Amino acid sequence: MACLLSSIPGSVPAAPSPELLTVQPEPGTQFRLGQNYPNPFYAETTIFFSLAAPSDVLLALYDLRGHMVKELSQTGLGAGPQEFILNLPALGLPRASYVYQLHVHNAAGHFTDYRLMTAAAP
């Protein structure tokens, strides 16, 4: 899971960068990423995650072609349950399917995990 693009069927892997080489797949010890709810959704959805230790997080949204379309970050989050509330119209994004990837940086290193979400037409 070090490179999201290589994980999407039919995509072309991105050239490795030093930053990607240090990212480790998350075995569930540093954070847990939940499925967004509701899914599918119309305009707004919540992405739940839980941190084992204080961390900085980056949420990246990718279209199904593997292009990053939005990044959201929060620094200095404490251990425990957290969430991102996404409103696609407010973010300027159309209703579509997206891959969301959570990057966590803490004293133990850099970790990442991802899920798929779908915004349906009303």
PDB file of N, CA and C in Angstrom:
ATOM      1  N   MET A   1       0.801  -1.194   0.000  1.00  0.00           N
ATOM      2  CA  MET A   1       0.000   0.000   0.000  1.00  0.00           C
ATOM      3  C   MET A   1       0.843   1.257   0.000  1.00  0.00           C
ATOM      4  N   ALA A   2       2.131   1.143  -0.182  1.00  0.00           N
ATOM      5  CA  ALA A   2       2.989   2.313  -0.170  1.00  0.00           C
ATOM      6  C   ALA A   2       2.678   3.255  -1.310  1.00  0.00           C
ATOM      7  N   CYS A   3       2.130   2.760  -2.407  1.00  0.00           N
ATOM      8  CA  CYS A   3       1.789   3.607  -3.541  1.00  0.00           C
ATOM      9  C   CYS A   3       0.338   3.364  -3.901  1.00  0.00           C
ATOM     10  N   LEU A   4      -0.526   4.334  -3.643  1.00  0.00           N
ATOM     11  CA  LEU A   4      -1.947   4.170  -3.886  1.00  0.00           C
ATOM     12  C   LEU A   4      -2.230   3.839  -5.335  1.00  0.00           C
ATOM     13  N   LEU A   5      -1.567   4.518  -6.277  1.00  0.00           N
ATOM     14  CA  LEU A   5      -1.878   4.324  -7.684  1.00  0.00           C
ATOM     15  C   LEU A   5      -1.644   2.896  -8.131  1.00  0.00           C
ATOM     16  N   SER A   6      -0.666   2.215  -7.581  1.00  0.00           N
ATOM     17  CA  SER A   6      -0.432   0.838  -7.986  1.00  0.00           C
ATOM     18  C   SER A   6      -1.460  -0.098  -7.392  1.00  0.00           C
ATOM     19  N   SER A   7      -2.268   0.389  -6.433  1.00  0.00           N
ATOM     20  CA  SER A   7      -3.282  -0.437  -5.802  1.00  0.00           C
ATOM     21  C   SER A   7      -4.615  -0.385  -6.523  1.00  0.00           C
ATOM     22  N   ILE A   8      -4.782   0.549  -7.447  1.00  0.00           N
ATOM     23  CA  ILE A   8      -6.037   0.691  -8.168  1.00  0.00           C
ATOM     24  C   ILE A   8      -5.922  -0.084  -9.470  1.00  0.00           C
ATOM     25  N   PRO A   9      -6.814  -1.076  -9.703  1.00  0.00           N
ATOM     26  CA  PRO A   9      -6.728  -1.864 -10.939  1.00  0.00           C
ATOM     27  C   PRO A   9      -6.746  -0.974 -12.174  1.00  0.00           C
ATOM     28  N   GLY A  10      -5.856  -1.276 -13.127  1.00  0.00           N
ATOM     29  CA  GLY A  10      -5.810  -0.547 -14.384  1.00  0.00           C
ATOM     30  C   GLY A  10      -5.043   0.756 -14.330  1.00  0.00           C
ATOM     31  N   SER A  11      -4.447   1.082 -13.188  1.00  0.00           N
ATOM     32  CA  SER A  11      -3.713   2.341 -13.093  1.00  0.00           C
ATOM     33  C   SER A  11      -2.232   2.103 -13.346  1.00  0.00           C
ATOM     34  N   VAL A  12      -1.556   3.177 -13.649  1.00  0.00           N
ATOM     35  CA  VAL A  12      -0.118   3.119 -13.894  1.00  0.00           C
ATOM     36  C   VAL A  12       0.586   3.507 -12.607  1.00  0.00           C
ATOM     37  N   PRO A  13       1.507   2.669 -12.094  1.00  0.00           N
ATOM     38  CA  PRO A  13       2.193   3.019 -10.853  1.00  0.00           C
ATOM     39  C   PRO A  13       3.004   4.297 -11.011  1.00  0.00           C
ATOM     40  N   ALA A  14       2.983   5.107  -9.980  1.00  0.00           N
ATOM     41  CA  ALA A  14       3.777   6.336  -9.980  1.00  0.00           C
ATOM     42  C   ALA A  14       5.235   5.978  -9.739  1.00  0.00           C
ATOM     43  N   ALA A  15       6.114   6.831 -10.230  1.00  0.00           N
ATOM     44  CA  ALA A  15       7.541   6.633  -9.978  1.00  0.00           C
ATOM     45  C   ALA A  15       7.779   6.763  -8.478  1.00  0.00           C
ATOM     46  N   PRO A  16       8.581   5.875  -7.889  1.00  0.00           N
ATOM     47  CA  PRO A  16       8.817   5.959  -6.449  1.00  0.00           C
ATOM     48  C   PRO A  16       9.541   7.245  -6.088  1.00  0.00           C
ATOM     49  N   SER A  17       9.196   7.793  -4.955  1.00  0.00           N
ATOM     50  CA  SER A  17       9.888   8.962  -4.435  1.00  0.00           C
ATOM     51  C   SER A  17      10.419   8.598  -3.054  1.00  0.00           C
ATOM     52  N   PRO A  18      11.381   9.330  -2.550  1.00  0.00           N
ATOM     53  CA  PRO A  18      11.900   9.006  -1.217  1.00  0.00           C
ATOM     54  C   PRO A  18      10.807   8.991  -0.155  1.00  0.00           C
ATOM     55  N   GLU A  19       9.819   9.896  -0.262  1.00  0.00           N
ATOM     56  CA  GLU A  19       8.750   9.929   0.728  1.00  0.00           C
ATOM     57  C   GLU A  19       7.910   8.660   0.666  1.00  0.00           C
ATOM     58  N   LEU A  20       7.581   8.189  -0.536  1.00  0.00           N
ATOM     59  CA  LEU A  20       6.781   6.973  -0.659  1.00  0.00           C
ATOM     60  C   LEU A  20       7.524   5.758  -0.122  1.00  0.00           C
ATOM     61  N   LEU A  21       8.824   5.750  -0.242  1.00  0.00           N
ATOM     62  CA  LEU A  21       9.596   4.601   0.221  1.00  0.00           C
ATOM     63  C   LEU A  21       9.590   4.476   1.734  1.00  0.00           C
ATOM     64  N   THR A  22       9.297   5.563   2.470  1.00  0.00           N
ATOM     65  CA  THR A  22       9.292   5.503   3.923  1.00  0.00           C
ATOM     66  C   THR A  22       7.904   5.216   4.484  1.00  0.00           C
ATOM     67  N   VAL A  23       6.879   5.231   3.658  1.00  0.00           N
ATOM     68  CA  VAL A  23       5.523   4.970   4.123  1.00  0.00           C
ATOM     69  C   VAL A  23       5.343   3.474   4.318  1.00  0.00           C
ATOM     70  N   GLN A  24       4.746   3.103   5.442  1.00  0.00           N
ATOM     71  CA  GLN A  24       4.531   1.703   5.753  1.00  0.00           C
ATOM     72  C   GLN A  24       3.038   1.400   5.746  1.00  0.00           C
ATOM     73  N   PRO A  25       2.638   0.217   5.231  1.00  0.00           N
ATOM     74  CA  PRO A  25       1.226  -0.158   5.351  1.00  0.00           C
ATOM     75  C   PRO A  25       0.852  -0.248   6.830  1.00  0.00           C
ATOM     76  N   GLU A  26      -0.347   0.109   7.149  1.00  0.00           N
ATOM     77  CA  GLU A  26      -0.770   0.138   8.535  1.00  0.00           C
ATOM     78  C   GLU A  26      -1.330  -1.219   8.961  1.00  0.00           C
ATOM     79  N   PRO A  27      -0.681  -1.884   9.908  1.00  0.00           N
ATOM     80  CA  PRO A  27      -1.182  -3.181  10.379  1.00  0.00           C
ATOM     81  C   PRO A  27      -2.271  -3.054  11.428  1.00  0.00           C
ATOM     82  N   GLY A  28      -2.673  -1.843  11.784  1.00  0.00           N
ATOM     83  CA  GLY A  28      -3.730  -1.653  12.774  1.00  0.00           C
ATOM     84  C   GLY A  28      -3.214  -1.290  14.149  1.00  0.00           C
ATOM     85  N   THR A  29      -1.924  -1.012  14.264  1.00  0.00           N
ATOM     86  CA  THR A  29      -1.384  -0.671  15.578  1.00  0.00           C
ATOM     87  C   THR A  29      -1.286   0.831  15.809  1.00  0.00           C
ATOM     88  N   GLN A  30      -1.144   1.632  14.755  1.00  0.00           N
ATOM     89  CA  GLN A  30      -1.004   3.079  14.896  1.00  0.00           C
ATOM     90  C   GLN A  30      -2.316   3.824  14.666  1.00  0.00           C
ATOM     91  N   PHE A  31      -3.158   3.294  13.791  1.00  0.00           N
ATOM     92  CA  PHE A  31      -4.479   3.890  13.577  1.00  0.00           C
ATOM     93  C   PHE A  31      -5.382   2.880  12.897  1.00  0.00           C
ATOM     94  N   ARG A  32      -6.665   3.136  12.983  1.00  0.00           N
ATOM     95  CA  ARG A  32      -7.659   2.327  12.277  1.00  0.00           C
ATOM     96  C   ARG A  32      -8.514   3.282  11.448  1.00  0.00           C
ATOM     97  N   LEU A  33      -8.655   2.947  10.184  1.00  0.00           N
ATOM     98  CA  LEU A  33      -9.464   3.747   9.271  1.00  0.00           C
ATOM     99  C   LEU A  33     -10.772   3.022   9.024  1.00  0.00           C
ATOM    100  N   GLY A  34     -11.872   3.704   9.261  1.00  0.00           N
ATOM    101  CA  GLY A  34     -13.180   3.113   9.039  1.00  0.00           C
ATOM    102  C   GLY A  34     -13.718   3.446   7.659  1.00  0.00           C
ATOM    103  N   GLN A  35     -14.780   2.748   7.289  1.00  0.00           N
ATOM    104  CA  GLN A  35     -15.491   3.049   6.051  1.00  0.00           C
ATOM    105  C   GLN A  35     -16.319   4.303   6.277  1.00  0.00           C
ATOM    106  N   ASN A  36     -16.367   5.169   5.283  1.00  0.00           N
ATOM    107  CA  ASN A  36     -17.184   6.374   5.433  1.00  0.00           C
ATOM    108  C   ASN A  36     -18.644   5.981   5.630  1.00  0.00           C
ATOM    109  N   TYR A  37     -19.402   6.866   6.282  1.00  0.00           N
ATOM    110  CA  TYR A  37     -20.824   6.610   6.532  1.00  0.00           C
ATOM    111  C   TYR A  37     -21.580   7.913   6.355  1.00  0.00           C
ATOM    112  N   PRO A  38     -22.682   7.936   5.645  1.00  0.00           N
ATOM    113  CA  PRO A  38     -23.203   6.811   4.867  1.00  0.00           C
ATOM    114  C   PRO A  38     -22.386   6.581   3.597  1.00  0.00           C
ATOM    115  N   ASN A  39     -22.549   5.413   3.034  1.00  0.00           N
ATOM    116  CA  ASN A  39     -21.893   5.061   1.773  1.00  0.00           C
ATOM    117  C   ASN A  39     -22.771   4.043   1.058  1.00  0.00           C
ATOM    118  N   PRO A  40     -23.340   4.374  -0.096  1.00  0.00           N
ATOM    119  CA  PRO A  40     -23.169   5.629  -0.834  1.00  0.00           C
ATOM    120  C   PRO A  40     -23.855   6.798  -0.123  1.00  0.00           C
ATOM    121  N   PHE A  41     -23.484   8.003  -0.537  1.00  0.00           N
ATOM    122  CA  PHE A  41     -24.011   9.213   0.072  1.00  0.00           C
ATOM    123  C   PHE A  41     -24.382  10.198  -1.024  1.00  0.00           C
ATOM    124  N   TYR A  42     -25.096  11.271  -0.644  1.00  0.00           N
ATOM    125  CA  TYR A  42     -25.522  12.262  -1.630  1.00  0.00           C
ATOM    126  C   TYR A  42     -24.606  13.472  -1.671  1.00  0.00           C
ATOM    127  N   ALA A  43     -24.430  14.153  -0.577  1.00  0.00           N
ATOM    128  CA  ALA A  43     -23.572  15.341  -0.580  1.00  0.00           C
ATOM    129  C   ALA A  43     -22.538  15.285   0.540  1.00  0.00           C
ATOM    130  N   GLU A  44     -22.930  14.719   1.679  1.00  0.00           N
ATOM    131  CA  GLU A  44     -22.049  14.747   2.839  1.00  0.00           C
ATOM    132  C   GLU A  44     -21.862  13.353   3.419  1.00  0.00           C
ATOM    133  N   THR A  45     -20.642  13.076   3.854  1.00  0.00           N
ATOM    134  CA  THR A  45     -20.312  11.797   4.479  1.00  0.00           C
ATOM    135  C   THR A  45     -19.256  12.039   5.548  1.00  0.00           C
ATOM    136  N   THR A  46     -19.134  11.095   6.462  1.00  0.00           N
ATOM    137  CA  THR A  46     -18.155  11.196   7.543  1.00  0.00           C
ATOM    138  C   THR A  46     -17.176  10.045   7.444  1.00  0.00           C
ATOM    139  N   ILE A  47     -15.892  10.373   7.537  1.00  0.00           N
ATOM    140  CA  ILE A  47     -14.832   9.365   7.545  1.00  0.00           C
ATOM    141  C   ILE A  47     -14.325   9.264   8.976  1.00  0.00           C
ATOM    142  N   PHE A  48     -14.486   8.084   9.555  1.00  0.00           N
ATOM    143  CA  PHE A  48     -14.087   7.838  10.927  1.00  0.00           C
ATOM    144  C   PHE A  48     -12.719   7.172  10.966  1.00  0.00           C
ATOM    145  N   PHE A  49     -11.905   7.571  11.927  1.00  0.00           N
ATOM    146  CA  PHE A  49     -10.626   6.900  12.156  1.00  0.00           C
ATOM    147  C   PHE A  49     -10.259   7.065  13.627  1.00  0.00           C
ATOM    148  N   SER A  50      -9.375   6.202  14.088  1.00  0.00           N
ATOM    149  CA  SER A  50      -8.946   6.231  15.472  1.00  0.00           C
ATOM    150  C   SER A  50      -7.417   6.182  15.518  1.00  0.00           C
ATOM    151  N   LEU A  51      -6.834   7.031  16.342  1.00  0.00           N
ATOM    152  CA  LEU A  51      -5.376   7.126  16.452  1.00  0.00           C
ATOM    153  C   LEU A  51      -4.908   6.486  17.760  1.00  0.00           C
ATOM    154  N   ALA A  52      -3.804   5.747  17.710  1.00  0.00           N
ATOM    155  CA  ALA A  52      -3.236   5.137  18.905  1.00  0.00           C
ATOM    156  C   ALA A  52      -2.357   6.115  19.674  1.00  0.00           C
ATOM    157  N   ALA A  53      -1.869   7.148  19.000  1.00  0.00           N
ATOM    158  CA  ALA A  53      -0.961   8.117  19.616  1.00  0.00           C
ATOM    159  C   ALA A  53      -1.185   9.480  18.969  1.00  0.00           C
ATOM    160  N   PRO A  54      -0.763  10.560  19.615  1.00  0.00           N
ATOM    161  CA  PRO A  54      -0.870  11.874  18.975  1.00  0.00           C
ATOM    162  C   PRO A  54      -0.207  11.848  17.599  1.00  0.00           C
ATOM    163  N   SER A  55      -0.903  12.441  16.609  1.00  0.00           N
ATOM    164  CA  SER A  55      -0.446  12.323  15.220  1.00  0.00           C
ATOM    165  C   SER A  55      -0.867  13.532  14.405  1.00  0.00           C
ATOM    166  N   ASP A  56      -0.162  13.716  13.292  1.00  0.00           N
ATOM    167  CA  ASP A  56      -0.587  14.625  12.227  1.00  0.00           C
ATOM    168  C   ASP A  56      -1.190  13.745  11.146  1.00  0.00           C
ATOM    169  N   VAL A  57      -2.303  14.186  10.558  1.00  0.00           N
ATOM    170  CA  VAL A  57      -2.951  13.363   9.532  1.00  0.00           C
ATOM    171  C   VAL A  57      -3.207  14.176   8.271  1.00  0.00           C
ATOM    172  N   LEU A  58      -3.176  13.477   7.158  1.00  0.00           N
ATOM    173  CA  LEU A  58      -3.491  14.049   5.853  1.00  0.00           C
ATOM    174  C   LEU A  58      -4.479  13.113   5.187  1.00  0.00           C
ATOM    175  N   LEU A  59      -5.598  13.646   4.745  1.00  0.00           N
ATOM    176  CA  LEU A  59      -6.589  12.874   4.002  1.00  0.00           C
ATOM    177  C   LEU A  59      -6.509  13.308   2.546  1.00  0.00           C
ATOM    178  N   ALA A  60      -6.188  12.378   1.667  1.00  0.00           N
ATOM    179  CA  ALA A  60      -6.098  12.669   0.232  1.00  0.00           C
ATOM    180  C   ALA A  60      -7.254  11.980  -0.470  1.00  0.00           C
ATOM    181  N   LEU A  61      -7.920  12.700  -1.374  1.00  0.00           N
ATOM    182  CA  LEU A  61      -9.006  12.142  -2.183  1.00  0.00           C
ATOM    183  C   LEU A  61      -8.518  11.985  -3.612  1.00  0.00           C
ATOM    184  N   TYR A  62      -8.758  10.804  -4.192  1.00  0.00           N
ATOM    185  CA  TYR A  62      -8.349  10.490  -5.556  1.00  0.00           C
ATOM    186  C   TYR A  62      -9.566  10.114  -6.375  1.00  0.00           C
ATOM    187  N   ASP A  63      -9.601  10.556  -7.638  1.00  0.00           N
ATOM    188  CA  ASP A  63     -10.632  10.053  -8.534  1.00  0.00           C
ATOM    189  C   ASP A  63     -10.220   8.637  -8.960  1.00  0.00           C
ATOM    190  N   LEU A  64     -11.081   7.954  -9.683  1.00  0.00           N
ATOM    191  CA  LEU A  64     -10.805   6.560 -10.032  1.00  0.00           C
ATOM    192  C   LEU A  64      -9.750   6.406 -11.116  1.00  0.00           C
ATOM    193  N   ARG A  65      -9.266   7.516 -11.658  1.00  0.00           N
ATOM    194  CA  ARG A  65      -8.132   7.454 -12.584  1.00  0.00           C
ATOM    195  C   ARG A  65      -6.803   7.603 -11.843  1.00  0.00           C
ATOM    196  N   GLY A  66      -6.891   7.795 -10.527  1.00  0.00           N
ATOM    197  CA  GLY A  66      -5.688   7.908  -9.722  1.00  0.00           C
ATOM    198  C   GLY A  66      -5.168   9.314  -9.553  1.00  0.00           C
ATOM    199  N   HIS A  67      -5.939  10.320  -9.978  1.00  0.00           N
ATOM    200  CA  HIS A  67      -5.520  11.715  -9.821  1.00  0.00           C
ATOM    201  C   HIS A  67      -5.987  12.249  -8.472  1.00  0.00           C
ATOM    202  N   MET A  68      -5.074  12.850  -7.725  1.00  0.00           N
ATOM    203  CA  MET A  68      -5.472  13.455  -6.465  1.00  0.00           C
ATOM    204  C   MET A  68      -6.302  14.695  -6.769  1.00  0.00           C
ATOM    205  N   VAL A  69      -7.470  14.798  -6.133  1.00  0.00           N
ATOM    206  CA  VAL A  69      -8.360  15.925  -6.392  1.00  0.00           C
ATOM    207  C   VAL A  69      -8.508  16.860  -5.185  1.00  0.00           C
ATOM    208  N   LYS A  70      -8.128  16.390  -3.998  1.00  0.00           N
ATOM    209  CA  LYS A  70      -8.245  17.241  -2.808  1.00  0.00           C
ATOM    210  C   LYS A  70      -7.402  16.654  -1.680  1.00  0.00           C
ATOM    211  N   GLU A  71      -6.829  17.537  -0.863  1.00  0.00           N
ATOM    212  CA  GLU A  71      -6.107  17.147   0.348  1.00  0.00           C
ATOM    213  C   GLU A  71      -6.644  17.948   1.516  1.00  0.00           C
ATOM    214  N   LEU A  72      -6.839  17.283   2.634  1.00  0.00           N
ATOM    215  CA  LEU A  72      -7.253  17.927   3.870  1.00  0.00           C
ATOM    216  C   LEU A  72      -6.299  17.457   4.964  1.00  0.00           C
ATOM    217  N   SER A  73      -5.872  18.359   5.834  1.00  0.00           N
ATOM    218  CA  SER A  73      -4.937  17.940   6.879  1.00  0.00           C
ATOM    219  C   SER A  73      -5.359  18.497   8.231  1.00  0.00           C
ATOM    220  N   GLN A  74      -4.936  17.768   9.261  1.00  0.00           N
ATOM    221  CA  GLN A  74      -5.113  18.208  10.643  1.00  0.00           C
ATOM    222  C   GLN A  74      -3.838  17.844  11.388  1.00  0.00           C
ATOM    223  N   THR A  75      -3.320  18.785  12.141  1.00  0.00           N
ATOM    224  CA  THR A  75      -2.088  18.533  12.885  1.00  0.00           C
ATOM    225  C   THR A  75      -2.375  18.476  14.379  1.00  0.00           C
ATOM    226  N   GLY A  76      -1.535  17.737  15.075  1.00  0.00           N
ATOM    227  CA  GLY A  76      -1.631  17.687  16.530  1.00  0.00           C
ATOM    228  C   GLY A  76      -2.871  17.018  17.076  1.00  0.00           C
ATOM    229  N   LEU A  77      -3.430  16.055  16.354  1.00  0.00           N
ATOM    230  CA  LEU A  77      -4.603  15.350  16.863  1.00  0.00           C
ATOM    231  C   LEU A  77      -4.194  14.408  17.985  1.00  0.00           C
ATOM    232  N   GLY A  78      -5.019  14.300  19.000  1.00  0.00           N
ATOM    233  CA  GLY A  78      -4.746  13.412  20.120  1.00  0.00           C
ATOM    234  C   GLY A  78      -5.144  11.983  19.817  1.00  0.00           C
ATOM    235  N   ALA A  79      -4.700  11.075  20.655  1.00  0.00           N
ATOM    236  CA  ALA A  79      -5.075   9.665  20.522  1.00  0.00           C
ATOM    237  C   ALA A  79      -6.577   9.529  20.741  1.00  0.00           C
ATOM    238  N   GLY A  80      -7.178   8.564  20.050  1.00  0.00           N
ATOM    239  CA  GLY A  80      -8.602   8.301  20.210  1.00  0.00           C
ATOM    240  C   GLY A  80      -9.366   8.508  18.924  1.00  0.00           C
ATOM    241  N   PRO A  81     -10.702   8.436  19.005  1.00  0.00           N
ATOM    242  CA  PRO A  81     -11.535   8.555  17.807  1.00  0.00           C
ATOM    243  C   PRO A  81     -11.492   9.960  17.204  1.00  0.00           C
ATOM    244  N   GLN A  82     -11.466  10.009  15.878  1.00  0.00           N
ATOM    245  CA  GLN A  82     -11.438  11.260  15.119  1.00  0.00           C
ATOM    246  C   GLN A  82     -12.344  11.105  13.904  1.00  0.00           C
ATOM    247  N   GLU A  83     -12.588  12.206  13.208  1.00  0.00           N
ATOM    248  CA  GLU A  83     -13.391  12.125  11.988  1.00  0.00           C
ATOM    249  C   GLU A  83     -13.114  13.308  11.081  1.00  0.00           C
ATOM    250  N   PHE A  84     -13.329  13.078   9.799  1.00  0.00           N
ATOM    251  CA  PHE A  84     -13.391  14.130   8.786  1.00  0.00           C
ATOM    252  C   PHE A  84     -14.817  14.122   8.266  1.00  0.00           C
ATOM    253  N   ILE A  85     -15.461  15.278   8.210  1.00  0.00           N
ATOM    254  CA  ILE A  85     -16.777  15.394   7.584  1.00  0.00           C
ATOM    255  C   ILE A  85     -16.552  16.014   6.220  1.00  0.00           C
ATOM    256  N   LEU A  86     -16.938  15.287   5.171  1.00  0.00           N
ATOM    257  CA  LEU A  86     -16.735  15.755   3.802  1.00  0.00           C
ATOM    258  C   LEU A  86     -18.055  16.178   3.194  1.00  0.00           C
ATOM    259  N   ASN A  87     -18.080  17.366   2.629  1.00  0.00           N
ATOM    260  CA  ASN A  87     -19.217  17.853   1.871  1.00  0.00           C
ATOM    261  C   ASN A  87     -18.695  18.134   0.467  1.00  0.00           C
ATOM    262  N   LEU A  88     -19.039  17.269  -0.484  1.00  0.00           N
ATOM    263  CA  LEU A  88     -18.479  17.391  -1.836  1.00  0.00           C
ATOM    264  C   LEU A  88     -18.769  18.732  -2.492  1.00  0.00           C
ATOM    265  N   PRO A  89     -20.017  19.245  -2.455  1.00  0.00           N
ATOM    266  CA  PRO A  89     -20.242  20.559  -3.078  1.00  0.00           C
ATOM    267  C   PRO A  89     -19.380  21.663  -2.452  1.00  0.00           C
ATOM    268  N   ALA A  90     -19.202  21.640  -1.140  1.00  0.00           N
ATOM    269  CA  ALA A  90     -18.383  22.654  -0.475  1.00  0.00           C
ATOM    270  C   ALA A  90     -16.909  22.536  -0.871  1.00  0.00           C
ATOM    271  N   LEU A  91     -16.475  21.308  -1.198  1.00  0.00           N
ATOM    272  CA  LEU A  91     -15.101  21.086  -1.636  1.00  0.00           C
ATOM    273  C   LEU A  91     -14.926  21.316  -3.134  1.00  0.00           C
ATOM    274  N   GLY A  92     -16.032  21.599  -3.834  1.00  0.00           N
ATOM    275  CA  GLY A  92     -15.974  21.823  -5.275  1.00  0.00           C
ATOM    276  C   GLY A  92     -15.793  20.544  -6.074  1.00  0.00           C
ATOM    277  N   LEU A  93     -16.254  19.417  -5.516  1.00  0.00           N
ATOM    278  CA  LEU A  93     -16.098  18.122  -6.189  1.00  0.00           C
ATOM    279  C   LEU A  93     -17.436  17.586  -6.669  1.00  0.00           C
ATOM    280  N   PRO A  94     -17.460  16.967  -7.851  1.00  0.00           N
ATOM    281  CA  PRO A  94     -18.702  16.386  -8.364  1.00  0.00           C
ATOM    282  C   PRO A  94     -19.023  15.072  -7.657  1.00  0.00           C
ATOM    283  N   ARG A  95     -20.275  14.659  -7.773  1.00  0.00           N
ATOM    284  CA  ARG A  95     -20.663  13.346  -7.253  1.00  0.00           C
ATOM    285  C   ARG A  95     -20.021  12.279  -8.122  1.00  0.00           C
ATOM    286  N   ALA A  96     -19.288  11.378  -7.481  1.00  0.00           N
ATOM    287  CA  ALA A  96     -18.556  10.320  -8.180  1.00  0.00           C
ATOM    288  C   ALA A  96     -18.038   9.342  -7.135  1.00  0.00           C
ATOM    289  N   SER A  97     -17.342   8.332  -7.583  1.00  0.00           N
ATOM    290  CA  SER A  97     -16.638   7.434  -6.666  1.00  0.00           C
ATOM    291  C   SER A  97     -15.229   7.967  -6.474  1.00  0.00           C
ATOM    292  N   TYR A  98     -14.739   7.877  -5.251  1.00  0.00           N
ATOM    293  CA  TYR A  98     -13.414   8.356  -4.901  1.00  0.00           C
ATOM    294  C   TYR A  98     -12.715   7.334  -4.011  1.00  0.00           C
ATOM    295  N   VAL A  99     -11.403   7.356  -4.049  1.00  0.00           N
ATOM    296  CA  VAL A  99     -10.592   6.626  -3.087  1.00  0.00           C
ATOM    297  C   VAL A  99     -10.116   7.663  -2.079  1.00  0.00           C
ATOM    298  N   TYR A 100     -10.314   7.378  -0.790  1.00  0.00           N
ATOM    299  CA  TYR A 100      -9.734   8.268   0.217  1.00  0.00           C
ATOM    300  C   TYR A 100      -8.604   7.530   0.913  1.00  0.00           C
ATOM    301  N   GLN A 101      -7.496   8.246   1.075  1.00  0.00           N
ATOM    302  CA  GLN A 101      -6.298   7.669   1.666  1.00  0.00           C
ATOM    303  C   GLN A 101      -5.886   8.529   2.855  1.00  0.00           C
ATOM    304  N   LEU A 102      -5.744   7.877   4.009  1.00  0.00           N
ATOM    305  CA  LEU A 102      -5.341   8.578   5.217  1.00  0.00           C
ATOM    306  C   LEU A 102      -3.868   8.321   5.473  1.00  0.00           C
ATOM    307  N   HIS A 103      -3.103   9.405   5.612  1.00  0.00           N
ATOM    308  CA  HIS A 103      -1.682   9.340   5.950  1.00  0.00           C
ATOM    309  C   HIS A 103      -1.542   9.800   7.394  1.00  0.00           C
ATOM    310  N   VAL A 104      -0.869   9.014   8.198  1.00  0.00           N
ATOM    311  CA  VAL A 104      -0.665   9.339   9.609  1.00  0.00           C
ATOM    312  C   VAL A 104       0.831   9.433   9.872  1.00  0.00           C
ATOM    313  N   HIS A 105       1.228  10.522  10.509  1.00  0.00           N
ATOM    314  CA  HIS A 105       2.634  10.703  10.896  1.00  0.00           C
ATOM    315  C   HIS A 105       2.665  10.903  12.405  1.00  0.00           C
ATOM    316  N   ASN A 106       3.433  10.043  13.087  1.00  0.00           N
ATOM    317  CA  ASN A 106       3.620  10.199  14.524  1.00  0.00           C
ATOM    318  C   ASN A 106       5.030   9.748  14.892  1.00  0.00           C
ATOM    319  N   ALA A 107       5.321   9.655  16.166  1.00  0.00           N
ATOM    320  CA  ALA A 107       6.669   9.303  16.614  1.00  0.00           C
ATOM    321  C   ALA A 107       7.105   7.921  16.125  1.00  0.00           C
ATOM    322  N   ALA A 108       6.160   7.040  15.799  1.00  0.00           N
ATOM    323  CA  ALA A 108       6.488   5.684  15.333  1.00  0.00           C
ATOM    324  C   ALA A 108       6.780   5.634  13.836  1.00  0.00           C
ATOM    325  N   GLY A 109       6.449   6.687  13.073  1.00  0.00           N
ATOM    326  CA  GLY A 109       6.727   6.703  11.640  1.00  0.00           C
ATOM    327  C   GLY A 109       5.579   7.251  10.817  1.00  0.00           C
ATOM    328  N   HIS A 110       5.581   6.890   9.528  1.00  0.00           N
ATOM    329  CA  HIS A 110       4.544   7.294   8.574  1.00  0.00           C
ATOM    330  C   HIS A 110       3.744   6.050   8.208  1.00  0.00           C
ATOM    331  N   PHE A 111       2.412   6.165   8.235  1.00  0.00           N
ATOM    332  CA  PHE A 111       1.547   5.027   7.952  1.00  0.00           C
ATOM    333  C   PHE A 111       0.401   5.479   7.061  1.00  0.00           C
ATOM    334  N   THR A 112      -0.179   4.543   6.301  1.00  0.00           N
ATOM    335  CA  THR A 112      -1.267   4.899   5.397  1.00  0.00           C
ATOM    336  C   THR A 112      -2.237   3.743   5.226  1.00  0.00           C
ATOM    337  N   ASP A 113      -3.473   4.086   4.917  1.00  0.00           N
ATOM    338  CA  ASP A 113      -4.498   3.105   4.570  1.00  0.00           C
ATOM    339  C   ASP A 113      -5.529   3.827   3.703  1.00  0.00           C
ATOM    340  N   TYR A 114      -6.352   3.080   2.988  1.00  0.00           N
ATOM    341  CA  TYR A 114      -7.314   3.709   2.088  1.00  0.00           C
ATOM    342  C   TYR A 114      -8.607   2.902   1.995  1.00  0.00           C
ATOM    343  N   ARG A 115      -9.656   3.567   1.499  1.00  0.00           N
ATOM    344  CA  ARG A 115     -10.970   2.973   1.282  1.00  0.00           C
ATOM    345  C   ARG A 115     -11.599   3.642   0.050  1.00  0.00           C
ATOM    346  N   LEU A 116     -12.676   3.044  -0.422  1.00  0.00           N
ATOM    347  CA  LEU A 116     -13.437   3.562  -1.553  1.00  0.00           C
ATOM    348  C   LEU A 116     -14.763   4.113  -1.052  1.00  0.00           C
ATOM    349  N   MET A 117     -15.189   5.252  -1.626  1.00  0.00           N
ATOM    350  CA  MET A 117     -16.496   5.819  -1.284  1.00  0.00           C
ATOM    351  C   MET A 117     -17.206   6.247  -2.558  1.00  0.00           C
ATOM    352  N   THR A 118     -18.528   6.274  -2.505  1.00  0.00           N
ATOM    353  CA  THR A 118     -19.329   6.608  -3.672  1.00  0.00           C
ATOM    354  C   THR A 118     -20.377   7.652  -3.323  1.00  0.00           C
ATOM    355  N   ALA A 119     -20.376   8.733  -4.085  1.00  0.00           N
ATOM    356  CA  ALA A 119     -21.415   9.762  -3.965  1.00  0.00           C
ATOM    357  C   ALA A 119     -22.429   9.515  -5.074  1.00  0.00           C
ATOM    358  N   ALA A 120     -23.641   9.213  -4.696  1.00  0.00           N
ATOM    359  CA  ALA A 120     -24.693   8.877  -5.659  1.00  0.00           C
ATOM    360  C   ALA A 120     -25.544  10.106  -5.986  1.00  0.00           C
ATOM    361  N   ALA A 121     -26.178  10.052  -7.136  1.00  0.00           N
ATOM    362  CA  ALA A 121     -27.110  11.118  -7.522  1.00  0.00           C
ATOM    363  C   ALA A 121     -28.392  10.973  -6.699  1.00  0.00           C
ATOM    364  N   PRO A 122     -29.015  12.088  -6.327  1.00  0.00           N
ATOM    365  CA  PRO A 122     -30.255  12.008  -5.519  1.00  0.00           C
ATOM    366  C   PRO A 122     -31.414  11.420  -6.305  1.00  0.00           C
TER     367      PRO A 122
END
